[in-house]
Amino acid sequence: MGYILTFIVTTIVPLAWLLLRGLGAGVVTYFGLDLLIDYLGDQIQANFDGMPVAMFQMLSLMGIPKAINIALSFITVIMVVKGITYFNGRPKQSVSFWKGFGGTS
């Protein structure tokens, strides 16, 4: 019985602690940034609600509300992709999402 307890204390407990600590940091970071993006979306929507109807209709015809939603979704996608590449090991060649893929830019 003493050997089993020693095995659990020396191997399983530190592994479980490491897993929970790593998972906790990732979850807290993701949900924190998700709350920030939701807050930004709510603030933009509140500013749209305060403008005259004719101006909002013109902005809607130009697709500005959809473009804002696409931009906020893109931030979420970047967070997920960077998180996946970080936890799977760093890529050999770093790809900047802001400069585009390939080319000499």
PDB file of N, CA and C in Angstrom:
ATOM      1  N   MET A   1       0.820  -1.191   0.000  1.00  0.00           N
ATOM      2  CA  MET A   1       0.000   0.000   0.000  1.00  0.00           C
ATOM      3  C   MET A   1       0.866   1.257   0.000  1.00  0.00           C
ATOM      4  N   GLY A   2       1.971   1.224   0.690  1.00  0.00           N
ATOM      5  CA  GLY A   2       2.863   2.369   0.751  1.00  0.00           C
ATOM      6  C   GLY A   2       3.487   2.691  -0.605  1.00  0.00           C
ATOM      7  N   TYR A   3       3.762   1.646  -1.406  1.00  0.00           N
ATOM      8  CA  TYR A   3       4.351   1.869  -2.725  1.00  0.00           C
ATOM      9  C   TYR A   3       3.371   2.560  -3.675  1.00  0.00           C
ATOM     10  N   ILE A   4       2.119   2.186  -3.574  1.00  0.00           N
ATOM     11  CA  ILE A   4       1.104   2.795  -4.448  1.00  0.00           C
ATOM     12  C   ILE A   4       0.924   4.266  -4.088  1.00  0.00           C
ATOM     13  N   LEU A   5       0.860   4.564  -2.816  1.00  0.00           N
ATOM     14  CA  LEU A   5       0.709   5.950  -2.377  1.00  0.00           C
ATOM     15  C   LEU A   5       1.923   6.784  -2.780  1.00  0.00           C
ATOM     16  N   THR A   6       3.107   6.216  -2.660  1.00  0.00           N
ATOM     17  CA  THR A   6       4.330   6.918  -3.072  1.00  0.00           C
ATOM     18  C   THR A   6       4.328   7.173  -4.576  1.00  0.00           C
ATOM     19  N   PHE A   7       3.886   6.181  -5.342  1.00  0.00           N
ATOM     20  CA  PHE A   7       3.807   6.339  -6.795  1.00  0.00           C
ATOM     21  C   PHE A   7       2.845   7.460  -7.175  1.00  0.00           C
ATOM     22  N   ILE A   8       1.691   7.487  -6.530  1.00  0.00           N
ATOM     23  CA  ILE A   8       0.687   8.513  -6.843  1.00  0.00           C
ATOM     24  C   ILE A   8       1.207   9.902  -6.487  1.00  0.00           C
ATOM     25  N   VAL A   9       1.807  10.022  -5.330  1.00  0.00           N
ATOM     26  CA  VAL A   9       2.280  11.327  -4.883  1.00  0.00           C
ATOM     27  C   VAL A   9       3.439  11.821  -5.736  1.00  0.00           C
ATOM     28  N   THR A  10       4.339  10.946  -6.155  1.00  0.00           N
ATOM     29  CA  THR A  10       5.536  11.397  -6.876  1.00  0.00           C
ATOM     30  C   THR A  10       5.349  11.536  -8.374  1.00  0.00           C
ATOM     31  N   THR A  11       4.359  10.868  -8.967  1.00  0.00           N
ATOM     32  CA  THR A  11       4.219  10.953 -10.428  1.00  0.00           C
ATOM     33  C   THR A  11       2.899  11.563 -10.875  1.00  0.00           C
ATOM     34  N   ILE A  12       1.808  11.063 -10.379  1.00  0.00           N
ATOM     35  CA  ILE A  12       0.508  11.483 -10.899  1.00  0.00           C
ATOM     36  C   ILE A  12       0.129  12.887 -10.433  1.00  0.00           C
ATOM     37  N   VAL A  13       0.367  13.220  -9.197  1.00  0.00           N
ATOM     38  CA  VAL A  13      -0.007  14.542  -8.686  1.00  0.00           C
ATOM     39  C   VAL A  13       0.759  15.669  -9.391  1.00  0.00           C
ATOM     40  N   PRO A  14       2.096  15.572  -9.571  1.00  0.00           N
ATOM     41  CA  PRO A  14       2.773  16.644 -10.309  1.00  0.00           C
ATOM     42  C   PRO A  14       2.327  16.753 -11.772  1.00  0.00           C
ATOM     43  N   LEU A  15       2.040  15.627 -12.423  1.00  0.00           N
ATOM     44  CA  LEU A  15       1.556  15.683 -13.804  1.00  0.00           C
ATOM     45  C   LEU A  15       0.179  16.333 -13.886  1.00  0.00           C
ATOM     46  N   ALA A  16      -0.688  15.982 -12.948  1.00  0.00           N
ATOM     47  CA  ALA A  16      -2.020  16.595 -12.932  1.00  0.00           C
ATOM     48  C   ALA A  16      -1.921  18.096 -12.657  1.00  0.00           C
ATOM     49  N   TRP A  17      -1.046  18.494 -11.735  1.00  0.00           N
ATOM     50  CA  TRP A  17      -0.858  19.909 -11.425  1.00  0.00           C
ATOM     51  C   TRP A  17      -0.335  20.665 -12.642  1.00  0.00           C
ATOM     52  N   LEU A  18       0.617  20.083 -13.356  1.00  0.00           N
ATOM     53  CA  LEU A  18       1.168  20.712 -14.561  1.00  0.00           C
ATOM     54  C   LEU A  18       0.092  20.862 -15.633  1.00  0.00           C
ATOM     55  N   LEU A  19      -0.721  19.840 -15.825  1.00  0.00           N
ATOM     56  CA  LEU A  19      -1.794  19.893 -16.810  1.00  0.00           C
ATOM     57  C   LEU A  19      -2.817  20.961 -16.454  1.00  0.00           C
ATOM     58  N   LEU A  20      -3.247  20.996 -15.210  1.00  0.00           N
ATOM     59  CA  LEU A  20      -4.235  21.995 -14.798  1.00  0.00           C
ATOM     60  C   LEU A  20      -3.689  23.410 -14.874  1.00  0.00           C
ATOM     61  N   ARG A  21      -2.426  23.590 -14.544  1.00  0.00           N
ATOM     62  CA  ARG A  21      -1.825  24.920 -14.599  1.00  0.00           C
ATOM     63  C   ARG A  21      -1.726  25.410 -16.040  1.00  0.00           C
ATOM     64  N   GLY A  22      -1.283  24.550 -16.946  1.00  0.00           N
ATOM     65  CA  GLY A  22      -1.185  24.941 -18.351  1.00  0.00           C
ATOM     66  C   GLY A  22      -2.539  25.173 -18.978  1.00  0.00           C
ATOM     67  N   LEU A  23      -3.481  24.304 -18.668  1.00  0.00           N
ATOM     68  CA  LEU A  23      -4.834  24.458 -19.196  1.00  0.00           C
ATOM     69  C   LEU A  23      -5.488  25.703 -18.628  1.00  0.00           C
ATOM     70  N   GLY A  24      -5.266  25.963 -17.357  1.00  0.00           N
ATOM     71  CA  GLY A  24      -5.871  27.138 -16.723  1.00  0.00           C
ATOM     72  C   GLY A  24      -5.390  28.438 -17.328  1.00  0.00           C
ATOM     73  N   ALA A  25      -4.091  28.547 -17.601  1.00  0.00           N
ATOM     74  CA  ALA A  25      -3.556  29.776 -18.192  1.00  0.00           C
ATOM     75  C   ALA A  25      -4.128  29.991 -19.585  1.00  0.00           C
ATOM     76  N   GLY A  26      -4.219  28.930 -20.371  1.00  0.00           N
ATOM     77  CA  GLY A  26      -4.768  29.056 -21.723  1.00  0.00           C
ATOM     78  C   GLY A  26      -6.237  29.417 -21.716  1.00  0.00           C
ATOM     79  N   VAL A  27      -6.991  28.795 -20.843  1.00  0.00           N
ATOM     80  CA  VAL A  27      -8.427  29.062 -20.767  1.00  0.00           C
ATOM     81  C   VAL A  27      -8.685  30.483 -20.284  1.00  0.00           C
ATOM     82  N   VAL A  28      -7.960  30.906 -19.269  1.00  0.00           N
ATOM     83  CA  VAL A  28      -8.147  32.266 -18.749  1.00  0.00           C
ATOM     84  C   VAL A  28      -7.770  33.296 -19.807  1.00  0.00           C
ATOM     85  N   THR A  29      -6.682  33.068 -20.524  1.00  0.00           N
ATOM     86  CA  THR A  29      -6.269  33.997 -21.570  1.00  0.00           C
ATOM     87  C   THR A  29      -7.291  34.057 -22.688  1.00  0.00           C
ATOM     88  N   TYR A  30      -7.760  32.894 -23.158  1.00  0.00           N
ATOM     89  CA  TYR A  30      -8.719  32.866 -24.260  1.00  0.00           C
ATOM     90  C   TYR A  30     -10.022  33.550 -23.860  1.00  0.00           C
ATOM     91  N   PHE A  31     -10.548  33.209 -22.692  1.00  0.00           N
ATOM     92  CA  PHE A  31     -11.817  33.811 -22.279  1.00  0.00           C
ATOM     93  C   PHE A  31     -11.666  35.293 -21.973  1.00  0.00           C
ATOM     94  N   GLY A  32     -10.515  35.699 -21.468  1.00  0.00           N
ATOM     95  CA  GLY A  32     -10.281  37.118 -21.228  1.00  0.00           C
ATOM     96  C   GLY A  32     -10.261  37.914 -22.526  1.00  0.00           C
ATOM     97  N   LEU A  33      -9.558  37.390 -23.522  1.00  0.00           N
ATOM     98  CA  LEU A  33      -9.531  38.075 -24.819  1.00  0.00           C
ATOM     99  C   LEU A  33     -10.887  37.993 -25.514  1.00  0.00           C
ATOM    100  N   ASP A  34     -11.623  36.902 -25.303  1.00  0.00           N
ATOM    101  CA  ASP A  34     -12.959  36.788 -25.870  1.00  0.00           C
ATOM    102  C   ASP A  34     -13.888  37.834 -25.257  1.00  0.00           C
ATOM    103  N   LEU A  35     -13.776  38.056 -23.958  1.00  0.00           N
ATOM    104  CA  LEU A  35     -14.569  39.105 -23.318  1.00  0.00           C
ATOM    105  C   LEU A  35     -14.194  40.488 -23.841  1.00  0.00           C
ATOM    106  N   LEU A  36     -12.907  40.705 -24.095  1.00  0.00           N
ATOM    107  CA  LEU A  36     -12.458  41.984 -24.641  1.00  0.00           C
ATOM    108  C   LEU A  36     -13.046  42.216 -26.036  1.00  0.00           C
ATOM    109  N   ILE A  37     -13.037  41.188 -26.873  1.00  0.00           N
ATOM    110  CA  ILE A  37     -13.596  41.329 -28.222  1.00  0.00           C
ATOM    111  C   ILE A  37     -15.101  41.553 -28.158  1.00  0.00           C
ATOM    112  N   ASP A  38     -15.794  40.851 -27.258  1.00  0.00           N
ATOM    113  CA  ASP A  38     -17.232  41.087 -27.090  1.00  0.00           C
ATOM    114  C   ASP A  38     -17.504  42.512 -26.625  1.00  0.00           C
ATOM    115  N   TYR A  39     -16.674  43.011 -25.726  1.00  0.00           N
ATOM    116  CA  TYR A  39     -16.832  44.389 -25.245  1.00  0.00           C
ATOM    117  C   TYR A  39     -16.639  45.384 -26.392  1.00  0.00           C
ATOM    118  N   LEU A  40     -15.608  45.142 -27.218  1.00  0.00           N
ATOM    119  CA  LEU A  40     -15.389  46.031 -28.361  1.00  0.00           C
ATOM    120  C   LEU A  40     -16.580  46.001 -29.316  1.00  0.00           C
ATOM    121  N   GLY A  41     -17.097  44.809 -29.576  1.00  0.00           N
ATOM    122  CA  GLY A  41     -18.275  44.694 -30.443  1.00  0.00           C
ATOM    123  C   GLY A  41     -19.479  45.408 -29.874  1.00  0.00           C
ATOM    124  N   ASP A  42     -19.689  45.296 -28.569  1.00  0.00           N
ATOM    125  CA  ASP A  42     -20.813  45.985 -27.927  1.00  0.00           C
ATOM    126  C   ASP A  42     -20.652  47.503 -27.991  1.00  0.00           C
ATOM    127  N   GLN A  43     -19.433  47.995 -27.805  1.00  0.00           N
ATOM    128  CA  GLN A  43     -19.200  49.438 -27.876  1.00  0.00           C
ATOM    129  C   GLN A  43     -19.433  49.968 -29.292  1.00  0.00           C
ATOM    130  N   ILE A  44     -18.983  49.204 -30.281  1.00  0.00           N
ATOM    131  CA  ILE A  44     -19.207  49.626 -31.673  1.00  0.00           C
ATOM    132  C   ILE A  44     -20.695  49.628 -31.980  1.00  0.00           C
ATOM    133  N   GLN A  45     -21.409  48.587 -31.504  1.00  0.00           N
ATOM    134  CA  GLN A  45     -22.857  48.525 -31.720  1.00  0.00           C
ATOM    135  C   GLN A  45     -23.560  49.689 -31.024  1.00  0.00           C
ATOM    136  N   ALA A  46     -23.106  50.063 -29.837  1.00  0.00           N
ATOM    137  CA  ALA A  46     -23.710  51.199 -29.131  1.00  0.00           C
ATOM    138  C   ALA A  46     -23.490  52.491 -29.908  1.00  0.00           C
ATOM    139  N   ASN A  47     -22.327  52.631 -30.537  1.00  0.00           N
ATOM    140  CA  ASN A  47     -22.087  53.826 -31.353  1.00  0.00           C
ATOM    141  C   ASN A  47     -22.949  53.825 -32.607  1.00  0.00           C
ATOM    142  N   PHE A  48     -23.197  52.639 -33.167  1.00  0.00           N
ATOM    143  CA  PHE A  48     -24.096  52.560 -34.319  1.00  0.00           C
ATOM    144  C   PHE A  48     -25.525  52.918 -33.917  1.00  0.00           C
ATOM    145  N   ASP A  49     -25.933  52.524 -32.722  1.00  0.00           N
ATOM    146  CA  ASP A  49     -27.294  52.814 -32.264  1.00  0.00           C
ATOM    147  C   ASP A  49     -27.531  54.305 -32.070  1.00  0.00           C
ATOM    148  N   GLY A  50     -26.472  55.061 -31.791  1.00  0.00           N
ATOM    149  CA  GLY A  50     -26.623  56.488 -31.532  1.00  0.00           C
ATOM    150  C   GLY A  50     -26.596  57.362 -32.777  1.00  0.00           C
ATOM    151  N   MET A  51     -26.318  56.793 -33.938  1.00  0.00           N
ATOM    152  CA  MET A  51     -26.224  57.630 -35.143  1.00  0.00           C
ATOM    153  C   MET A  51     -27.565  57.703 -35.867  1.00  0.00           C
ATOM    154  N   PRO A  52     -27.736  58.721 -36.688  1.00  0.00           N
ATOM    155  CA  PRO A  52     -28.991  58.876 -37.437  1.00  0.00           C
ATOM    156  C   PRO A  52     -29.245  57.677 -38.356  1.00  0.00           C
ATOM    157  N   VAL A  53     -30.518  57.414 -38.619  1.00  0.00           N
ATOM    158  CA  VAL A  53     -30.914  56.244 -39.394  1.00  0.00           C
ATOM    159  C   VAL A  53     -30.362  56.312 -40.817  1.00  0.00           C
ATOM    160  N   ALA A  54     -30.399  57.471 -41.434  1.00  0.00           N
ATOM    161  CA  ALA A  54     -29.917  57.595 -42.809  1.00  0.00           C
ATOM    162  C   ALA A  54     -28.417  57.297 -42.897  1.00  0.00           C
ATOM    163  N   MET A  55     -27.650  57.744 -41.905  1.00  0.00           N
ATOM    164  CA  MET A  55     -26.205  57.486 -41.909  1.00  0.00           C
ATOM    165  C   MET A  55     -25.929  55.994 -41.708  1.00  0.00           C
ATOM    166  N   PHE A  56     -26.696  55.353 -40.812  1.00  0.00           N
ATOM    167  CA  PHE A  56     -26.501  53.929 -40.591  1.00  0.00           C
ATOM    168  C   PHE A  56     -26.873  53.128 -41.834  1.00  0.00           C
ATOM    169  N   GLN A  57     -27.901  53.560 -42.555  1.00  0.00           N
ATOM    170  CA  GLN A  57     -28.279  52.865 -43.783  1.00  0.00           C
ATOM    171  C   GLN A  57     -27.186  52.976 -44.831  1.00  0.00           C
ATOM    172  N   MET A  58     -26.555  54.141 -44.924  1.00  0.00           N
ATOM    173  CA  MET A  58     -25.449  54.298 -45.881  1.00  0.00           C
ATOM    174  C   MET A  58     -24.271  53.409 -45.495  1.00  0.00           C
ATOM    175  N   LEU A  59     -23.946  53.377 -44.212  1.00  0.00           N
ATOM    176  CA  LEU A  59     -22.856  52.508 -43.754  1.00  0.00           C
ATOM    177  C   LEU A  59     -23.191  51.037 -44.005  1.00  0.00           C
ATOM    178  N   SER A  60     -24.460  50.663 -43.829  1.00  0.00           N
ATOM    179  CA  SER A  60     -24.872  49.284 -44.079  1.00  0.00           C
ATOM    180  C   SER A  60     -24.782  48.936 -45.553  1.00  0.00           C
ATOM    181  N   LEU A  61     -25.120  49.896 -46.419  1.00  0.00           N
ATOM    182  CA  LEU A  61     -24.995  49.646 -47.859  1.00  0.00           C
ATOM    183  C   LEU A  61     -23.530  49.448 -48.263  1.00  0.00           C
ATOM    184  N   MET A  62     -22.621  50.129 -47.579  1.00  0.00           N
ATOM    185  CA  MET A  62     -21.194  49.962 -47.870  1.00  0.00           C
ATOM    186  C   MET A  62     -20.617  48.705 -47.224  1.00  0.00           C
ATOM    187  N   GLY A  63     -21.369  48.078 -46.313  1.00  0.00           N
ATOM    188  CA  GLY A  63     -20.911  46.850 -45.685  1.00  0.00           C
ATOM    189  C   GLY A  63     -20.011  47.063 -44.484  1.00  0.00           C
ATOM    190  N   ILE A  64     -20.047  48.237 -43.892  1.00  0.00           N
ATOM    191  CA  ILE A  64     -19.175  48.535 -42.755  1.00  0.00           C
ATOM    192  C   ILE A  64     -19.476  47.644 -41.544  1.00  0.00           C
ATOM    193  N   PRO A  65     -20.743  47.420 -41.155  1.00  0.00           N
ATOM    194  CA  PRO A  65     -20.983  46.534 -40.001  1.00  0.00           C
ATOM    195  C   PRO A  65     -20.462  45.116 -40.227  1.00  0.00           C
ATOM    196  N   LYS A  66     -20.620  44.599 -41.445  1.00  0.00           N
ATOM    197  CA  LYS A  66     -20.099  43.262 -41.746  1.00  0.00           C
ATOM    198  C   LYS A  66     -18.571  43.247 -41.709  1.00  0.00           C
ATOM    199  N   ALA A  67     -17.958  44.310 -42.186  1.00  0.00           N
ATOM    200  CA  ALA A  67     -16.491  44.385 -42.164  1.00  0.00           C
ATOM    201  C   ALA A  67     -15.967  44.418 -40.730  1.00  0.00           C
ATOM    202  N   ILE A  68     -16.666  45.097 -39.853  1.00  0.00           N
ATOM    203  CA  ILE A  68     -16.249  45.138 -38.453  1.00  0.00           C
ATOM    204  C   ILE A  68     -16.377  43.754 -37.824  1.00  0.00           C
ATOM    205  N   ASN A  69     -17.470  43.045 -38.120  1.00  0.00           N
ATOM    206  CA  ASN A  69     -17.635  41.687 -37.602  1.00  0.00           C
ATOM    207  C   ASN A  69     -16.560  40.753 -38.146  1.00  0.00           C
ATOM    208  N   ILE A  70     -16.207  40.897 -39.410  1.00  0.00           N
ATOM    209  CA  ILE A  70     -15.147  40.078 -40.000  1.00  0.00           C
ATOM    210  C   ILE A  70     -13.815  40.365 -39.324  1.00  0.00           C
ATOM    211  N   ALA A  71     -13.523  41.628 -39.061  1.00  0.00           N
ATOM    212  CA  ALA A  71     -12.259  41.991 -38.414  1.00  0.00           C
ATOM    213  C   ALA A  71     -12.188  41.427 -36.996  1.00  0.00           C
ATOM    214  N   LEU A  72     -13.285  41.510 -36.238  1.00  0.00           N
ATOM    215  CA  LEU A  72     -13.288  40.956 -34.886  1.00  0.00           C
ATOM    216  C   LEU A  72     -13.177  39.431 -34.916  1.00  0.00           C
ATOM    217  N   SER A  73     -13.789  38.787 -35.894  1.00  0.00           N
ATOM    218  CA  SER A  73     -13.661  37.336 -36.036  1.00  0.00           C
ATOM    219  C   SER A  73     -12.243  36.953 -36.415  1.00  0.00           C
ATOM    220  N   PHE A  74     -11.597  37.778 -37.227  1.00  0.00           N
ATOM    221  CA  PHE A  74     -10.220  37.511 -37.640  1.00  0.00           C
ATOM    222  C   PHE A  74      -9.275  37.540 -36.445  1.00  0.00           C
ATOM    223  N   ILE A  75      -9.529  38.443 -35.509  1.00  0.00           N
ATOM    224  CA  ILE A  75      -8.696  38.500 -34.297  1.00  0.00           C
ATOM    225  C   ILE A  75      -8.825  37.200 -33.514  1.00  0.00           C
ATOM    226  N   THR A  76     -10.057  36.674 -33.418  1.00  0.00           N
ATOM    227  CA  THR A  76     -10.265  35.408 -32.722  1.00  0.00           C
ATOM    228  C   THR A  76      -9.557  34.267 -33.431  1.00  0.00           C
ATOM    229  N   VAL A  77      -9.625  34.236 -34.758  1.00  0.00           N
ATOM    230  CA  VAL A  77      -8.953  33.178 -35.529  1.00  0.00           C
ATOM    231  C   VAL A  77      -7.443  33.248 -35.327  1.00  0.00           C
ATOM    232  N   ILE A  78      -6.883  34.433 -35.324  1.00  0.00           N
ATOM    233  CA  ILE A  78      -5.437  34.582 -35.107  1.00  0.00           C
ATOM    234  C   ILE A  78      -5.058  34.052 -33.727  1.00  0.00           C
ATOM    235  N   MET A  79      -5.879  34.360 -32.700  1.00  0.00           N
ATOM    236  CA  MET A  79      -5.583  33.854 -31.360  1.00  0.00           C
ATOM    237  C   MET A  79      -5.568  32.336 -31.344  1.00  0.00           C
ATOM    238  N   VAL A  80      -6.536  31.701 -31.994  1.00  0.00           N
ATOM    239  CA  VAL A  80      -6.611  30.240 -31.994  1.00  0.00           C
ATOM    240  C   VAL A  80      -5.434  29.640 -32.751  1.00  0.00           C
ATOM    241  N   VAL A  81      -5.109  30.175 -33.928  1.00  0.00           N
ATOM    242  CA  VAL A  81      -4.010  29.634 -34.721  1.00  0.00           C
ATOM    243  C   VAL A  81      -2.684  29.791 -34.002  1.00  0.00           C
ATOM    244  N   LYS A  82      -2.460  30.949 -33.425  1.00  0.00           N
ATOM    245  CA  LYS A  82      -1.202  31.149 -32.693  1.00  0.00           C
ATOM    246  C   LYS A  82      -1.135  30.259 -31.462  1.00  0.00           C
ATOM    247  N   GLY A  83      -2.255  30.022 -30.802  1.00  0.00           N
ATOM    248  CA  GLY A  83      -2.275  29.120 -29.662  1.00  0.00           C
ATOM    249  C   GLY A  83      -1.983  27.684 -30.062  1.00  0.00           C
ATOM    250  N   ILE A  84      -2.533  27.245 -31.192  1.00  0.00           N
ATOM    251  CA  ILE A  84      -2.285  25.881 -31.661  1.00  0.00           C
ATOM    252  C   ILE A  84      -0.830  25.710 -32.051  1.00  0.00           C
ATOM    253  N   THR A  85      -0.264  26.669 -32.770  1.00  0.00           N
ATOM    254  CA  THR A  85       1.132  26.536 -33.175  1.00  0.00           C
ATOM    255  C   THR A  85       2.068  26.640 -31.982  1.00  0.00           C
ATOM    256  N   TYR A  86       1.673  27.381 -30.950  1.00  0.00           N
ATOM    257  CA  TYR A  86       2.521  27.495 -29.759  1.00  0.00           C
ATOM    258  C   TYR A  86       2.552  26.182 -28.988  1.00  0.00           C
ATOM    259  N   PHE A  87       1.397  25.540 -28.822  1.00  0.00           N
ATOM    260  CA  PHE A  87       1.349  24.313 -28.037  1.00  0.00           C
ATOM    261  C   PHE A  87       1.812  23.092 -28.825  1.00  0.00           C
ATOM    262  N   ASN A  88       1.835  23.158 -30.157  1.00  0.00           N
ATOM    263  CA  ASN A  88       2.353  22.053 -30.955  1.00  0.00           C
ATOM    264  C   ASN A  88       3.842  22.203 -31.226  1.00  0.00           C
ATOM    265  N   GLY A  89       4.474  23.165 -30.678  1.00  0.00           N
ATOM    266  CA  GLY A  89       5.883  23.443 -30.947  1.00  0.00           C
ATOM    267  C   GLY A  89       5.979  24.624 -31.889  1.00  0.00           C
ATOM    268  N   ARG A  90       6.997  25.374 -31.713  1.00  0.00           N
ATOM    269  CA  ARG A  90       7.143  26.579 -32.535  1.00  0.00           C
ATOM    270  C   ARG A  90       7.422  26.201 -33.984  1.00  0.00           C
ATOM    271  N   PRO A  91       6.784  26.902 -34.936  1.00  0.00           N
ATOM    272  CA  PRO A  91       7.047  26.604 -36.344  1.00  0.00           C
ATOM    273  C   PRO A  91       8.469  26.999 -36.726  1.00  0.00           C
ATOM    274  N   LYS A  92       9.028  26.299 -37.705  1.00  0.00           N
ATOM    275  CA  LYS A  92      10.394  26.600 -38.129  1.00  0.00           C
ATOM    276  C   LYS A  92      10.472  27.955 -38.813  1.00  0.00           C
ATOM    277  N   GLN A  93       9.454  28.281 -39.590  1.00  0.00           N
ATOM    278  CA  GLN A  93       9.432  29.578 -40.266  1.00  0.00           C
ATOM    279  C   GLN A  93       8.221  30.344 -39.744  1.00  0.00           C
ATOM    280  N   SER A  94       8.462  31.465 -39.154  1.00  0.00           N
ATOM    281  CA  SER A  94       7.385  32.261 -38.596  1.00  0.00           C
ATOM    282  C   SER A  94       6.621  32.959 -39.715  1.00  0.00           C
ATOM    283  N   VAL A  95       5.299  32.873 -39.667  1.00  0.00           N
ATOM    284  CA  VAL A  95       4.445  33.510 -40.658  1.00  0.00           C
ATOM    285  C   VAL A  95       3.757  34.676 -39.994  1.00  0.00           C
ATOM    286  N   SER A  96       3.927  35.857 -40.534  1.00  0.00           N
ATOM    287  CA  SER A  96       3.259  37.031 -40.006  1.00  0.00           C
ATOM    288  C   SER A  96       1.904  37.166 -40.680  1.00  0.00           C
ATOM    289  N   PHE A  97       0.847  37.232 -39.884  1.00  0.00           N
ATOM    290  CA  PHE A  97      -0.486  37.363 -40.437  1.00  0.00           C
ATOM    291  C   PHE A  97      -0.731  38.772 -40.964  1.00  0.00           C
ATOM    292  N   TRP A  98       0.056  39.718 -40.532  1.00  0.00           N
ATOM    293  CA  TRP A  98      -0.185  41.097 -40.935  1.00  0.00           C
ATOM    294  C   TRP A  98       0.486  41.417 -42.262  1.00  0.00           C
ATOM    295  N   LYS A  99       1.542  40.689 -42.635  1.00  0.00           N
ATOM    296  CA  LYS A  99       2.223  40.958 -43.895  1.00  0.00           C
ATOM    297  C   LYS A  99       1.741  40.072 -45.021  1.00  0.00           C
ATOM    298  N   GLY A 100       1.004  39.036 -44.730  1.00  0.00           N
ATOM    299  CA  GLY A 100       0.494  38.152 -45.763  1.00  0.00           C
ATOM    300  C   GLY A 100       1.382  36.918 -45.896  1.00  0.00           C
ATOM    301  N   PHE A 101       0.886  35.953 -46.630  1.00  0.00           N
ATOM    302  CA  PHE A 101       1.592  34.698 -46.805  1.00  0.00           C
ATOM    303  C   PHE A 101       2.468  34.774 -48.046  1.00  0.00           C
ATOM    304  N   GLY A 102       3.732  34.398 -47.932  1.00  0.00           N
ATOM    305  CA  GLY A 102       4.633  34.355 -49.078  1.00  0.00           C
ATOM    306  C   GLY A 102       4.951  35.743 -49.617  1.00  0.00           C
ATOM    307  N   GLY A 103       5.624  35.767 -50.729  1.00  0.00           N
ATOM    308  CA  GLY A 103       5.959  37.043 -51.362  1.00  0.00           C
ATOM    309  C   GLY A 103       7.121  37.734 -50.687  1.00  0.00           C
ATOM    310  N   THR A 104       7.413  38.932 -51.133  1.00  0.00           N
ATOM    311  CA  THR A 104       8.544  39.684 -50.599  1.00  0.00           C
ATOM    312  C   THR A 104       8.077  40.883 -49.788  1.00  0.00           C
ATOM    313  N   SER A 105       6.819  40.886 -49.356  1.00  0.00           N
ATOM    314  CA  SER A 105       6.328  42.052 -48.613  1.00  0.00           C
ATOM    315  C   SER A 105       6.839  42.081 -47.212  1.00  0.00           C
TER     316      SER A 105
END
